[in-house]
Amino acid sequence: MAEKRMLIVDTEVARRVDENRGDMSRSEFINFLIDSQLKEDTPPVDRVSRQEFFQLEQGMKDLLRNFLDFFISYGMELGKQPQDKTFAELSQKLQALGASENKARKP
């Protein structure tokens, strides 16, 4: 039988352990967390912050809007009149992307 010791932790830490440990005991869960952090063969996990993800999302919307805008303009310069339904759908998508960008930029 392993020797037991007491570990004093903040109430918030104990609450988080209890919320996330599932069927494991507190000791098993803490041991699992320590082992998973100390494994040398496991590469570090890169995470993206909410802000970085939001910036990526906005960049993708900008790219899509520019892409749609280019093809609408390109078609018009060639003198091709897009079908009313197609043109309306593309215009609506451009407006929706512009509206979502404007909402995101407002504080």
PDB file of N, CA and C in Angstrom:
ATOM      1  N   MET A   1       0.837  -1.172   0.000  1.00  0.00           N
ATOM      2  CA  MET A   1       0.000   0.000   0.000  1.00  0.00           C
ATOM      3  C   MET A   1       0.884   1.238   0.000  1.00  0.00           C
ATOM      4  N   ALA A   2       0.539   2.213  -0.833  1.00  0.00           N
ATOM      5  CA  ALA A   2       1.336   3.428  -0.954  1.00  0.00           C
ATOM      6  C   ALA A   2       1.112   4.330   0.244  1.00  0.00           C
ATOM      7  N   GLU A   3       2.177   5.022   0.604  1.00  0.00           N
ATOM      8  CA  GLU A   3       2.086   5.978   1.698  1.00  0.00           C
ATOM      9  C   GLU A   3       1.211   7.145   1.256  1.00  0.00           C
ATOM     10  N   LYS A   4       0.371   7.632   2.139  1.00  0.00           N
ATOM     11  CA  LYS A   4      -0.541   8.723   1.796  1.00  0.00           C
ATOM     12  C   LYS A   4      -0.093   9.992   2.492  1.00  0.00           C
ATOM     13  N   ARG A   5      -0.249  11.103   1.738  1.00  0.00           N
ATOM     14  CA  ARG A   5       0.074  12.425   2.267  1.00  0.00           C
ATOM     15  C   ARG A   5      -1.087  13.359   1.958  1.00  0.00           C
ATOM     16  N   MET A   6      -1.150  14.445   2.659  1.00  0.00           N
ATOM     17  CA  MET A   6      -2.200  15.421   2.434  1.00  0.00           C
ATOM     18  C   MET A   6      -1.653  16.539   1.551  1.00  0.00           C
ATOM     19  N   LEU A   7      -2.466  16.972   0.599  1.00  0.00           N
ATOM     20  CA  LEU A   7      -2.098  18.061  -0.300  1.00  0.00           C
ATOM     21  C   LEU A   7      -3.124  19.170  -0.106  1.00  0.00           C
ATOM     22  N   ILE A   8      -2.659  20.341   0.250  1.00  0.00           N
ATOM     23  CA  ILE A   8      -3.550  21.484   0.464  1.00  0.00           C
ATOM     24  C   ILE A   8      -3.627  22.273  -0.839  1.00  0.00           C
ATOM     25  N   VAL A   9      -4.851  22.438  -1.340  1.00  0.00           N
ATOM     26  CA  VAL A   9      -5.065  23.203  -2.572  1.00  0.00           C
ATOM     27  C   VAL A   9      -6.189  24.209  -2.339  1.00  0.00           C
ATOM     28  N   ASP A  10      -6.224  25.222  -3.188  1.00  0.00           N
ATOM     29  CA  ASP A  10      -7.300  26.204  -3.116  1.00  0.00           C
ATOM     30  C   ASP A  10      -8.639  25.533  -3.383  1.00  0.00           C
ATOM     31  N   THR A  11      -9.692  26.100  -2.851  1.00  0.00           N
ATOM     32  CA  THR A  11     -11.033  25.565  -3.034  1.00  0.00           C
ATOM     33  C   THR A  11     -11.399  25.475  -4.507  1.00  0.00           C
ATOM     34  N   GLU A  12     -11.019  26.479  -5.280  1.00  0.00           N
ATOM     35  CA  GLU A  12     -11.316  26.505  -6.714  1.00  0.00           C
ATOM     36  C   GLU A  12     -10.636  25.339  -7.435  1.00  0.00           C
ATOM     37  N   VAL A  13      -9.408  25.031  -7.055  1.00  0.00           N
ATOM     38  CA  VAL A  13      -8.685  23.907  -7.673  1.00  0.00           C
ATOM     39  C   VAL A  13      -9.388  22.594  -7.340  1.00  0.00           C
ATOM     40  N   ALA A  14      -9.768  22.424  -6.089  1.00  0.00           N
ATOM     41  CA  ALA A  14     -10.472  21.201  -5.679  1.00  0.00           C
ATOM     42  C   ALA A  14     -11.790  21.064  -6.437  1.00  0.00           C
ATOM     43  N   ARG A  15     -12.505  22.179  -6.628  1.00  0.00           N
ATOM     44  CA  ARG A  15     -13.763  22.152  -7.367  1.00  0.00           C
ATOM     45  C   ARG A  15     -13.535  21.733  -8.812  1.00  0.00           C
ATOM     46  N   ARG A  16     -12.493  22.285  -9.447  1.00  0.00           N
ATOM     47  CA  ARG A  16     -12.195  21.935 -10.840  1.00  0.00           C
ATOM     48  C   ARG A  16     -11.788  20.477 -10.977  1.00  0.00           C
ATOM     49  N   VAL A  17     -11.044  19.965 -10.014  1.00  0.00           N
ATOM     50  CA  VAL A  17     -10.667  18.551 -10.026  1.00  0.00           C
ATOM     51  C   VAL A  17     -11.922  17.697  -9.946  1.00  0.00           C
ATOM     52  N   ASP A  18     -12.807  18.017  -9.019  1.00  0.00           N
ATOM     53  CA  ASP A  18     -14.031  17.231  -8.850  1.00  0.00           C
ATOM     54  C   ASP A  18     -14.932  17.295 -10.087  1.00  0.00           C
ATOM     55  N   GLU A  19     -14.998  18.451 -10.738  1.00  0.00           N
ATOM     56  CA  GLU A  19     -15.844  18.601 -11.922  1.00  0.00           C
ATOM     57  C   GLU A  19     -15.317  17.808 -13.120  1.00  0.00           C
ATOM     58  N   ASN A  20     -14.029  17.562 -13.176  1.00  0.00           N
ATOM     59  CA  ASN A  20     -13.426  16.967 -14.368  1.00  0.00           C
ATOM     60  C   ASN A  20     -12.891  15.561 -14.193  1.00  0.00           C
ATOM     61  N   ARG A  21     -12.910  15.004 -13.009  1.00  0.00           N
ATOM     62  CA  ARG A  21     -12.248  13.716 -12.776  1.00  0.00           C
ATOM     63  C   ARG A  21     -13.070  12.505 -13.179  1.00  0.00           C
ATOM     64  N   GLY A  22     -14.348  12.688 -13.445  1.00  0.00           N
ATOM     65  CA  GLY A  22     -15.175  11.555 -13.849  1.00  0.00           C
ATOM     66  C   GLY A  22     -15.212  10.481 -12.779  1.00  0.00           C
ATOM     67  N   ASP A  23     -14.913   9.230 -13.155  1.00  0.00           N
ATOM     68  CA  ASP A  23     -14.944   8.108 -12.216  1.00  0.00           C
ATOM     69  C   ASP A  23     -13.637   7.932 -11.444  1.00  0.00           C
ATOM     70  N   MET A  24     -12.630   8.726 -11.788  1.00  0.00           N
ATOM     71  CA  MET A  24     -11.336   8.612 -11.097  1.00  0.00           C
ATOM     72  C   MET A  24     -11.430   9.244  -9.709  1.00  0.00           C
ATOM     73  N   SER A  25     -10.597   8.723  -8.815  1.00  0.00           N
ATOM     74  CA  SER A  25     -10.489   9.380  -7.510  1.00  0.00           C
ATOM     75  C   SER A  25      -9.689  10.666  -7.698  1.00  0.00           C
ATOM     76  N   ARG A  26      -9.727  11.518  -6.721  1.00  0.00           N
ATOM     77  CA  ARG A  26      -8.951  12.766  -6.819  1.00  0.00           C
ATOM     78  C   ARG A  26      -7.476  12.469  -7.035  1.00  0.00           C
ATOM     79  N   SER A  27      -6.973  11.496  -6.293  1.00  0.00           N
ATOM     80  CA  SER A  27      -5.565  11.131  -6.401  1.00  0.00           C
ATOM     81  C   SER A  27      -5.231  10.593  -7.787  1.00  0.00           C
ATOM     82  N   GLU A  28      -6.076   9.718  -8.321  1.00  0.00           N
ATOM     83  CA  GLU A  28      -5.848   9.174  -9.663  1.00  0.00           C
ATOM     84  C   GLU A  28      -5.868  10.281 -10.723  1.00  0.00           C
ATOM     85  N   PHE A  29      -6.812  11.198 -10.573  1.00  0.00           N
ATOM     86  CA  PHE A  29      -6.937  12.275 -11.549  1.00  0.00           C
ATOM     87  C   PHE A  29      -5.712  13.193 -11.527  1.00  0.00           C
ATOM     88  N   ILE A  30      -5.266  13.573 -10.350  1.00  0.00           N
ATOM     89  CA  ILE A  30      -4.081  14.437 -10.230  1.00  0.00           C
ATOM     90  C   ILE A  30      -2.851  13.710 -10.765  1.00  0.00           C
ATOM     91  N   ASN A  31      -2.734  12.445 -10.475  1.00  0.00           N
ATOM     92  CA  ASN A  31      -1.627  11.645 -10.990  1.00  0.00           C
ATOM     93  C   ASN A  31      -1.671  11.586 -12.527  1.00  0.00           C
ATOM     94  N   PHE A  32      -2.868  11.387 -13.085  1.00  0.00           N
ATOM     95  CA  PHE A  32      -3.042  11.373 -14.542  1.00  0.00           C
ATOM     96  C   PHE A  32      -2.609  12.704 -15.158  1.00  0.00           C
ATOM     97  N   LEU A  33      -3.022  13.814 -14.552  1.00  0.00           N
ATOM     98  CA  LEU A  33      -2.651  15.139 -15.073  1.00  0.00           C
ATOM     99  C   LEU A  33      -1.141  15.354 -15.033  1.00  0.00           C
ATOM    100  N   ILE A  34      -0.539  14.967 -13.939  1.00  0.00           N
ATOM    101  CA  ILE A  34       0.917  15.122 -13.810  1.00  0.00           C
ATOM    102  C   ILE A  34       1.638  14.259 -14.843  1.00  0.00           C
ATOM    103  N   ASP A  35       1.225  12.998 -14.971  1.00  0.00           N
ATOM    104  CA  ASP A  35       1.853  12.101 -15.949  1.00  0.00           C
ATOM    105  C   ASP A  35       1.705  12.619 -17.370  1.00  0.00           C
ATOM    106  N   SER A  36       0.523  13.125 -17.704  1.00  0.00           N
ATOM    107  CA  SER A  36       0.301  13.601 -19.073  1.00  0.00           C
ATOM    108  C   SER A  36       1.130  14.844 -19.371  1.00  0.00           C
ATOM    109  N   GLN A  37       1.446  15.642 -18.365  1.00  0.00           N
ATOM    110  CA  GLN A  37       2.262  16.838 -18.577  1.00  0.00           C
ATOM    111  C   GLN A  37       3.753  16.528 -18.613  1.00  0.00           C
ATOM    112  N   LEU A  38       4.167  15.459 -17.993  1.00  0.00           N
ATOM    113  CA  LEU A  38       5.590  15.147 -17.888  1.00  0.00           C
ATOM    114  C   LEU A  38       6.092  14.157 -18.930  1.00  0.00           C
ATOM    115  N   LYS A  39       5.229  13.620 -19.763  1.00  0.00           N
ATOM    116  CA  LYS A  39       5.678  12.688 -20.795  1.00  0.00           C
ATOM    117  C   LYS A  39       6.587  13.413 -21.763  1.00  0.00           C
ATOM    118  N   GLU A  40       7.774  12.863 -21.977  1.00  0.00           N
ATOM    119  CA  GLU A  40       8.752  13.505 -22.850  1.00  0.00           C
ATOM    120  C   GLU A  40       8.482  13.239 -24.316  1.00  0.00           C
ATOM    121  N   ASP A  41       7.858  12.123 -24.643  1.00  0.00           N
ATOM    122  CA  ASP A  41       7.638  11.780 -26.042  1.00  0.00           C
ATOM    123  C   ASP A  41       6.402  12.462 -26.637  1.00  0.00           C
ATOM    124  N   THR A  42       5.622  13.124 -25.810  1.00  0.00           N
ATOM    125  CA  THR A  42       4.429  13.805 -26.293  1.00  0.00           C
ATOM    126  C   THR A  42       4.784  15.249 -26.642  1.00  0.00           C
ATOM    127  N   PRO A  43       4.543  15.649 -27.893  1.00  0.00           N
ATOM    128  CA  PRO A  43       4.844  17.035 -28.250  1.00  0.00           C
ATOM    129  C   PRO A  43       3.891  17.987 -27.530  1.00  0.00           C
ATOM    130  N   PRO A  44       4.335  19.201 -27.263  1.00  0.00           N
ATOM    131  CA  PRO A  44       3.450  20.163 -26.601  1.00  0.00           C
ATOM    132  C   PRO A  44       2.257  20.487 -27.495  1.00  0.00           C
ATOM    133  N   VAL A  45       1.130  20.714 -26.865  1.00  0.00           N
ATOM    134  CA  VAL A  45      -0.093  21.012 -27.602  1.00  0.00           C
ATOM    135  C   VAL A  45      -0.186  22.517 -27.809  1.00  0.00           C
ATOM    136  N   ASP A  46      -0.298  22.905 -29.075  1.00  0.00           N
ATOM    137  CA  ASP A  46      -0.491  24.318 -29.371  1.00  0.00           C
ATOM    138  C   ASP A  46      -1.979  24.602 -29.366  1.00  0.00           C
ATOM    139  N   ARG A  47      -2.358  25.646 -28.687  1.00  0.00           N
ATOM    140  CA  ARG A  47      -3.768  26.014 -28.619  1.00  0.00           C
ATOM    141  C   ARG A  47      -3.953  27.399 -29.203  1.00  0.00           C
ATOM    142  N   VAL A  48      -5.150  27.636 -29.674  1.00  0.00           N
ATOM    143  CA  VAL A  48      -5.500  28.920 -30.263  1.00  0.00           C
ATOM    144  C   VAL A  48      -6.426  29.637 -29.296  1.00  0.00           C
ATOM    145  N   SER A  49      -6.155  30.905 -29.065  1.00  0.00           N
ATOM    146  CA  SER A  49      -7.021  31.682 -28.178  1.00  0.00           C
ATOM    147  C   SER A  49      -8.291  32.059 -28.921  1.00  0.00           C
ATOM    148  N   ARG A  50      -9.289  32.478 -28.191  1.00  0.00           N
ATOM    149  CA  ARG A  50     -10.545  32.925 -28.806  1.00  0.00           C
ATOM    150  C   ARG A  50     -10.296  34.091 -29.744  1.00  0.00           C
ATOM    151  N   GLN A  51      -9.433  34.999 -29.327  1.00  0.00           N
ATOM    152  CA  GLN A  51      -9.125  36.172 -30.146  1.00  0.00           C
ATOM    153  C   GLN A  51      -8.466  35.754 -31.462  1.00  0.00           C
ATOM    154  N   GLU A  52      -7.520  34.819 -31.389  1.00  0.00           N
ATOM    155  CA  GLU A  52      -6.859  34.342 -32.601  1.00  0.00           C
ATOM    156  C   GLU A  52      -7.848  33.640 -33.521  1.00  0.00           C
ATOM    157  N   PHE A  53      -8.748  32.847 -32.942  1.00  0.00           N
ATOM    158  CA  PHE A  53      -9.758  32.166 -33.744  1.00  0.00           C
ATOM    159  C   PHE A  53     -10.698  33.176 -34.393  1.00  0.00           C
ATOM    160  N   PHE A  54     -11.092  34.193 -33.646  1.00  0.00           N
ATOM    161  CA  PHE A  54     -11.971  35.236 -34.171  1.00  0.00           C
ATOM    162  C   PHE A  54     -11.286  35.971 -35.330  1.00  0.00           C
ATOM    163  N   GLN A  55      -9.997  36.270 -35.182  1.00  0.00           N
ATOM    164  CA  GLN A  55      -9.261  36.933 -36.257  1.00  0.00           C
ATOM    165  C   GLN A  55      -9.182  36.045 -37.498  1.00  0.00           C
ATOM    166  N   LEU A  56      -8.993  34.748 -37.309  1.00  0.00           N
ATOM    167  CA  LEU A  56      -8.982  33.815 -38.434  1.00  0.00           C
ATOM    168  C   LEU A  56     -10.339  33.807 -39.128  1.00  0.00           C
ATOM    169  N   GLU A  57     -11.388  33.754 -38.342  1.00  0.00           N
ATOM    170  CA  GLU A  57     -12.745  33.753 -38.897  1.00  0.00           C
ATOM    171  C   GLU A  57     -12.998  35.023 -39.717  1.00  0.00           C
ATOM    172  N   GLN A  58     -12.603  36.174 -39.170  1.00  0.00           N
ATOM    173  CA  GLN A  58     -12.794  37.428 -39.893  1.00  0.00           C
ATOM    174  C   GLN A  58     -11.958  37.463 -41.166  1.00  0.00           C
ATOM    175  N   GLY A  59     -10.756  36.943 -41.105  1.00  0.00           N
ATOM    176  CA  GLY A  59      -9.901  36.891 -42.288  1.00  0.00           C
ATOM    177  C   GLY A  59     -10.497  36.016 -43.380  1.00  0.00           C
ATOM    178  N   MET A  60     -11.076  34.890 -42.975  1.00  0.00           N
ATOM    179  CA  MET A  60     -11.711  34.002 -43.952  1.00  0.00           C
ATOM    180  C   MET A  60     -12.924  34.667 -44.581  1.00  0.00           C
ATOM    181  N   LYS A  61     -13.705  35.382 -43.775  1.00  0.00           N
ATOM    182  CA  LYS A  61     -14.869  36.084 -44.320  1.00  0.00           C
ATOM    183  C   LYS A  61     -14.432  37.177 -45.292  1.00  0.00           C
ATOM    184  N   ASP A  62     -13.364  37.895 -44.936  1.00  0.00           N
ATOM    185  CA  ASP A  62     -12.831  38.929 -45.840  1.00  0.00           C
ATOM    186  C   ASP A  62     -12.381  38.306 -47.155  1.00  0.00           C
ATOM    187  N   LEU A  63     -11.683  37.198 -47.061  1.00  0.00           N
ATOM    188  CA  LEU A  63     -11.199  36.506 -48.266  1.00  0.00           C
ATOM    189  C   LEU A  63     -12.362  36.048 -49.137  1.00  0.00           C
ATOM    190  N   LEU A  64     -13.378  35.466 -48.523  1.00  0.00           N
ATOM    191  CA  LEU A  64     -14.539  35.009 -49.269  1.00  0.00           C
ATOM    192  C   LEU A  64     -15.275  36.187 -49.914  1.00  0.00           C
ATOM    193  N   ARG A  65     -15.422  37.269 -49.155  1.00  0.00           N
ATOM    194  CA  ARG A  65     -16.096  38.451 -49.696  1.00  0.00           C
ATOM    195  C   ARG A  65     -15.316  39.007 -50.884  1.00  0.00           C
ATOM    196  N   ASN A  66     -14.004  39.100 -50.767  1.00  0.00           N
ATOM    197  CA  ASN A  66     -13.179  39.593 -51.866  1.00  0.00           C
ATOM    198  C   ASN A  66     -13.250  38.661 -53.072  1.00  0.00           C
ATOM    199  N   PHE A  67     -13.277  37.366 -52.808  1.00  0.00           N
ATOM    200  CA  PHE A  67     -13.374  36.370 -53.866  1.00  0.00           C
ATOM    201  C   PHE A  67     -14.692  36.533 -54.632  1.00  0.00           C
ATOM    202  N   LEU A  68     -15.799  36.620 -53.892  1.00  0.00           N
ATOM    203  CA  LEU A  68     -17.097  36.804 -54.535  1.00  0.00           C
ATOM    204  C   LEU A  68     -17.170  38.132 -55.276  1.00  0.00           C
ATOM    205  N   ASP A  69     -16.660  39.167 -54.658  1.00  0.00           N
ATOM    206  CA  ASP A  69     -16.666  40.494 -55.271  1.00  0.00           C
ATOM    207  C   ASP A  69     -15.871  40.479 -56.581  1.00  0.00           C
ATOM    208  N   PHE A  70     -14.730  39.811 -56.585  1.00  0.00           N
ATOM    209  CA  PHE A  70     -13.903  39.726 -57.785  1.00  0.00           C
ATOM    210  C   PHE A  70     -14.664  39.046 -58.920  1.00  0.00           C
ATOM    211  N   PHE A  71     -15.281  37.908 -58.623  1.00  0.00           N
ATOM    212  CA  PHE A  71     -15.966  37.181 -59.682  1.00  0.00           C
ATOM    213  C   PHE A  71     -17.204  37.899 -60.192  1.00  0.00           C
ATOM    214  N   ILE A  72     -17.889  38.608 -59.325  1.00  0.00           N
ATOM    215  CA  ILE A  72     -19.029  39.403 -59.797  1.00  0.00           C
ATOM    216  C   ILE A  72     -18.525  40.515 -60.699  1.00  0.00           C
ATOM    217  N   SER A  73     -17.475  41.222 -60.262  1.00  0.00           N
ATOM    218  CA  SER A  73     -16.916  42.315 -61.062  1.00  0.00           C
ATOM    219  C   SER A  73     -16.331  41.798 -62.371  1.00  0.00           C
ATOM    220  N   TYR A  74     -15.643  40.691 -62.318  1.00  0.00           N
ATOM    221  CA  TYR A  74     -15.023  40.108 -63.498  1.00  0.00           C
ATOM    222  C   TYR A  74     -16.082  39.742 -64.537  1.00  0.00           C
ATOM    223  N   GLY A  75     -17.161  39.135 -64.081  1.00  0.00           N
ATOM    224  CA  GLY A  75     -18.243  38.772 -64.987  1.00  0.00           C
ATOM    225  C   GLY A  75     -18.888  39.987 -65.620  1.00  0.00           C
ATOM    226  N   MET A  76     -19.022  41.049 -64.863  1.00  0.00           N
ATOM    227  CA  MET A  76     -19.637  42.268 -65.391  1.00  0.00           C
ATOM    228  C   MET A  76     -18.714  42.946 -66.400  1.00  0.00           C
ATOM    229  N   GLU A  77     -17.408  42.900 -66.144  1.00  0.00           N
ATOM    230  CA  GLU A  77     -16.456  43.527 -67.072  1.00  0.00           C
ATOM    231  C   GLU A  77     -16.428  42.801 -68.401  1.00  0.00           C
ATOM    232  N   LEU A  78     -16.692  41.503 -68.392  1.00  0.00           N
ATOM    233  CA  LEU A  78     -16.726  40.742 -69.638  1.00  0.00           C
ATOM    234  C   LEU A  78     -18.028  40.965 -70.397  1.00  0.00           C
ATOM    235  N   GLY A  79     -18.915  41.729 -69.813  1.00  0.00           N
ATOM    236  CA  GLY A  79     -20.177  42.016 -70.466  1.00  0.00           C
ATOM    237  C   GLY A  79     -21.214  40.936 -70.293  1.00  0.00           C
ATOM    238  N   LYS A  80     -20.925  39.978 -69.460  1.00  0.00           N
ATOM    239  CA  LYS A  80     -21.888  38.916 -69.221  1.00  0.00           C
ATOM    240  C   LYS A  80     -22.844  39.368 -68.135  1.00  0.00           C
ATOM    241  N   GLN A  81     -24.087  39.252 -68.420  1.00  0.00           N
ATOM    242  CA  GLN A  81     -25.096  39.564 -67.414  1.00  0.00           C
ATOM    243  C   GLN A  81     -25.408  38.283 -66.646  1.00  0.00           C
ATOM    244  N   PRO A  82     -25.103  38.261 -65.377  1.00  0.00           N
ATOM    245  CA  PRO A  82     -25.392  37.051 -64.613  1.00  0.00           C
ATOM    246  C   PRO A  82     -26.901  36.837 -64.529  1.00  0.00           C
ATOM    247  N   GLN A  83     -27.251  35.588 -64.394  1.00  0.00           N
ATOM    248  CA  GLN A  83     -28.668  35.302 -64.220  1.00  0.00           C
ATOM    249  C   GLN A  83     -29.143  36.029 -62.973  1.00  0.00           C
ATOM    250  N   ASP A  84     -30.342  36.526 -63.034  1.00  0.00           N
ATOM    251  CA  ASP A  84     -30.867  37.308 -61.912  1.00  0.00           C
ATOM    252  C   ASP A  84     -30.773  36.560 -60.591  1.00  0.00           C
ATOM    253  N   LYS A  85     -31.089  35.272 -60.610  1.00  0.00           N
ATOM    254  CA  LYS A  85     -31.075  34.480 -59.380  1.00  0.00           C
ATOM    255  C   LYS A  85     -29.647  34.346 -58.853  1.00  0.00           C
ATOM    256  N   THR A  86     -28.704  34.033 -59.726  1.00  0.00           N
ATOM    257  CA  THR A  86     -27.306  33.867 -59.327  1.00  0.00           C
ATOM    258  C   THR A  86     -26.745  35.173 -58.790  1.00  0.00           C
ATOM    259  N   PHE A  87     -26.971  36.244 -59.515  1.00  0.00           N
ATOM    260  CA  PHE A  87     -26.467  37.556 -59.093  1.00  0.00           C
ATOM    261  C   PHE A  87     -27.072  37.956 -57.749  1.00  0.00           C
ATOM    262  N   ALA A  88     -28.340  37.717 -57.587  1.00  0.00           N
ATOM    263  CA  ALA A  88     -29.010  38.066 -56.326  1.00  0.00           C
ATOM    264  C   ALA A  88     -28.439  37.258 -55.165  1.00  0.00           C
ATOM    265  N   GLU A  89     -28.180  35.973 -55.397  1.00  0.00           N
ATOM    266  CA  GLU A  89     -27.619  35.135 -54.333  1.00  0.00           C
ATOM    267  C   GLU A  89     -26.222  35.603 -53.940  1.00  0.00           C
ATOM    268  N   LEU A  90     -25.378  35.897 -54.937  1.00  0.00           N
ATOM    269  CA  LEU A  90     -24.021  36.365 -54.647  1.00  0.00           C
ATOM    270  C   LEU A  90     -24.052  37.716 -53.942  1.00  0.00           C
ATOM    271  N   SER A  91     -24.904  38.606 -54.397  1.00  0.00           N
ATOM    272  CA  SER A  91     -25.020  39.919 -53.759  1.00  0.00           C
ATOM    273  C   SER A  91     -25.478  39.778 -52.312  1.00  0.00           C
ATOM    274  N   GLN A  92     -26.415  38.873 -52.094  1.00  0.00           N
ATOM    275  CA  GLN A  92     -26.921  38.646 -50.745  1.00  0.00           C
ATOM    276  C   GLN A  92     -25.801  38.102 -49.840  1.00  0.00           C
ATOM    277  N   LYS A  93     -24.984  37.193 -50.375  1.00  0.00           N
ATOM    278  CA  LYS A  93     -23.869  36.654 -49.592  1.00  0.00           C
ATOM    279  C   LYS A  93     -22.857  37.745 -49.261  1.00  0.00           C
ATOM    280  N   LEU A  94     -22.570  38.608 -50.221  1.00  0.00           N
ATOM    281  CA  LEU A  94     -21.647  39.715 -49.971  1.00  0.00           C
ATOM    282  C   LEU A  94     -22.184  40.638 -48.887  1.00  0.00           C
ATOM    283  N   GLN A  95     -23.450  40.948 -48.957  1.00  0.00           N
ATOM    284  CA  GLN A  95     -24.055  41.825 -47.954  1.00  0.00           C
ATOM    285  C   GLN A  95     -24.031  41.172 -46.574  1.00  0.00           C
ATOM    286  N   ALA A  96     -24.306  39.873 -46.524  1.00  0.00           N
ATOM    287  CA  ALA A  96     -24.291  39.160 -45.243  1.00  0.00           C
ATOM    288  C   ALA A  96     -22.893  39.144 -44.640  1.00  0.00           C
ATOM    289  N   LEU A  97     -21.885  38.937 -45.479  1.00  0.00           N
ATOM    290  CA  LEU A  97     -20.506  38.941 -44.976  1.00  0.00           C
ATOM    291  C   LEU A  97     -20.121  40.332 -44.493  1.00  0.00           C
ATOM    292  N   GLY A  98     -20.511  41.343 -45.226  1.00  0.00           N
ATOM    293  CA  GLY A  98     -20.218  42.716 -44.818  1.00  0.00           C
ATOM    294  C   GLY A  98     -20.926  43.077 -43.534  1.00  0.00           C
ATOM    295  N   ALA A  99     -22.167  42.630 -43.368  1.00  0.00           N
ATOM    296  CA  ALA A  99     -22.936  42.917 -42.155  1.00  0.00           C
ATOM    297  C   ALA A  99     -22.310  42.229 -40.951  1.00  0.00           C
ATOM    298  N   SER A 100     -21.877  40.975 -41.106  1.00  0.00           N
ATOM    299  CA  SER A 100     -21.277  40.266 -39.971  1.00  0.00           C
ATOM    300  C   SER A 100     -19.938  40.888 -39.589  1.00  0.00           C
ATOM    301  N   GLU A 101     -19.215  41.412 -40.580  1.00  0.00           N
ATOM    302  CA  GLU A 101     -17.947  42.076 -40.286  1.00  0.00           C
ATOM    303  C   GLU A 101     -18.180  43.373 -39.540  1.00  0.00           C
ATOM    304  N   ASN A 102     -19.182  44.139 -39.941  1.00  0.00           N
ATOM    305  CA  ASN A 102     -19.490  45.390 -39.266  1.00  0.00           C
ATOM    306  C   ASN A 102     -19.924  45.170 -37.838  1.00  0.00           C
ATOM    307  N   LYS A 103     -20.708  44.121 -37.576  1.00  0.00           N
ATOM    308  CA  LYS A 103     -21.123  43.799 -36.215  1.00  0.00           C
ATOM    309  C   LYS A 103     -19.910  43.444 -35.368  1.00  0.00           C
ATOM    310  N   ALA A 104     -18.986  42.693 -35.960  1.00  0.00           N
ATOM    311  CA  ALA A 104     -17.810  42.232 -35.210  1.00  0.00           C
ATOM    312  C   ALA A 104     -16.892  43.385 -34.872  1.00  0.00           C
ATOM    313  N   ARG A 105     -16.832  44.403 -35.697  1.00  0.00           N
ATOM    314  CA  ARG A 105     -15.914  45.518 -35.451  1.00  0.00           C
ATOM    315  C   ARG A 105     -16.458  46.509 -34.433  1.00  0.00           C
ATOM    316  N   LYS A 106     -17.777  46.533 -34.203  1.00  0.00           N
ATOM    317  CA  LYS A 106     -18.368  47.468 -33.235  1.00  0.00           C
ATOM    318  C   LYS A 106     -18.018  47.010 -31.831  1.00  0.00           C
ATOM    319  N   PRO A 107     -17.620  47.950 -30.957  1.00  0.00           N
ATOM    320  CA  PRO A 107     -17.258  47.556 -29.584  1.00  0.00           C
ATOM    321  C   PRO A 107     -18.445  47.183 -28.756  1.00  0.00           C
TER     322      PRO A 107
END
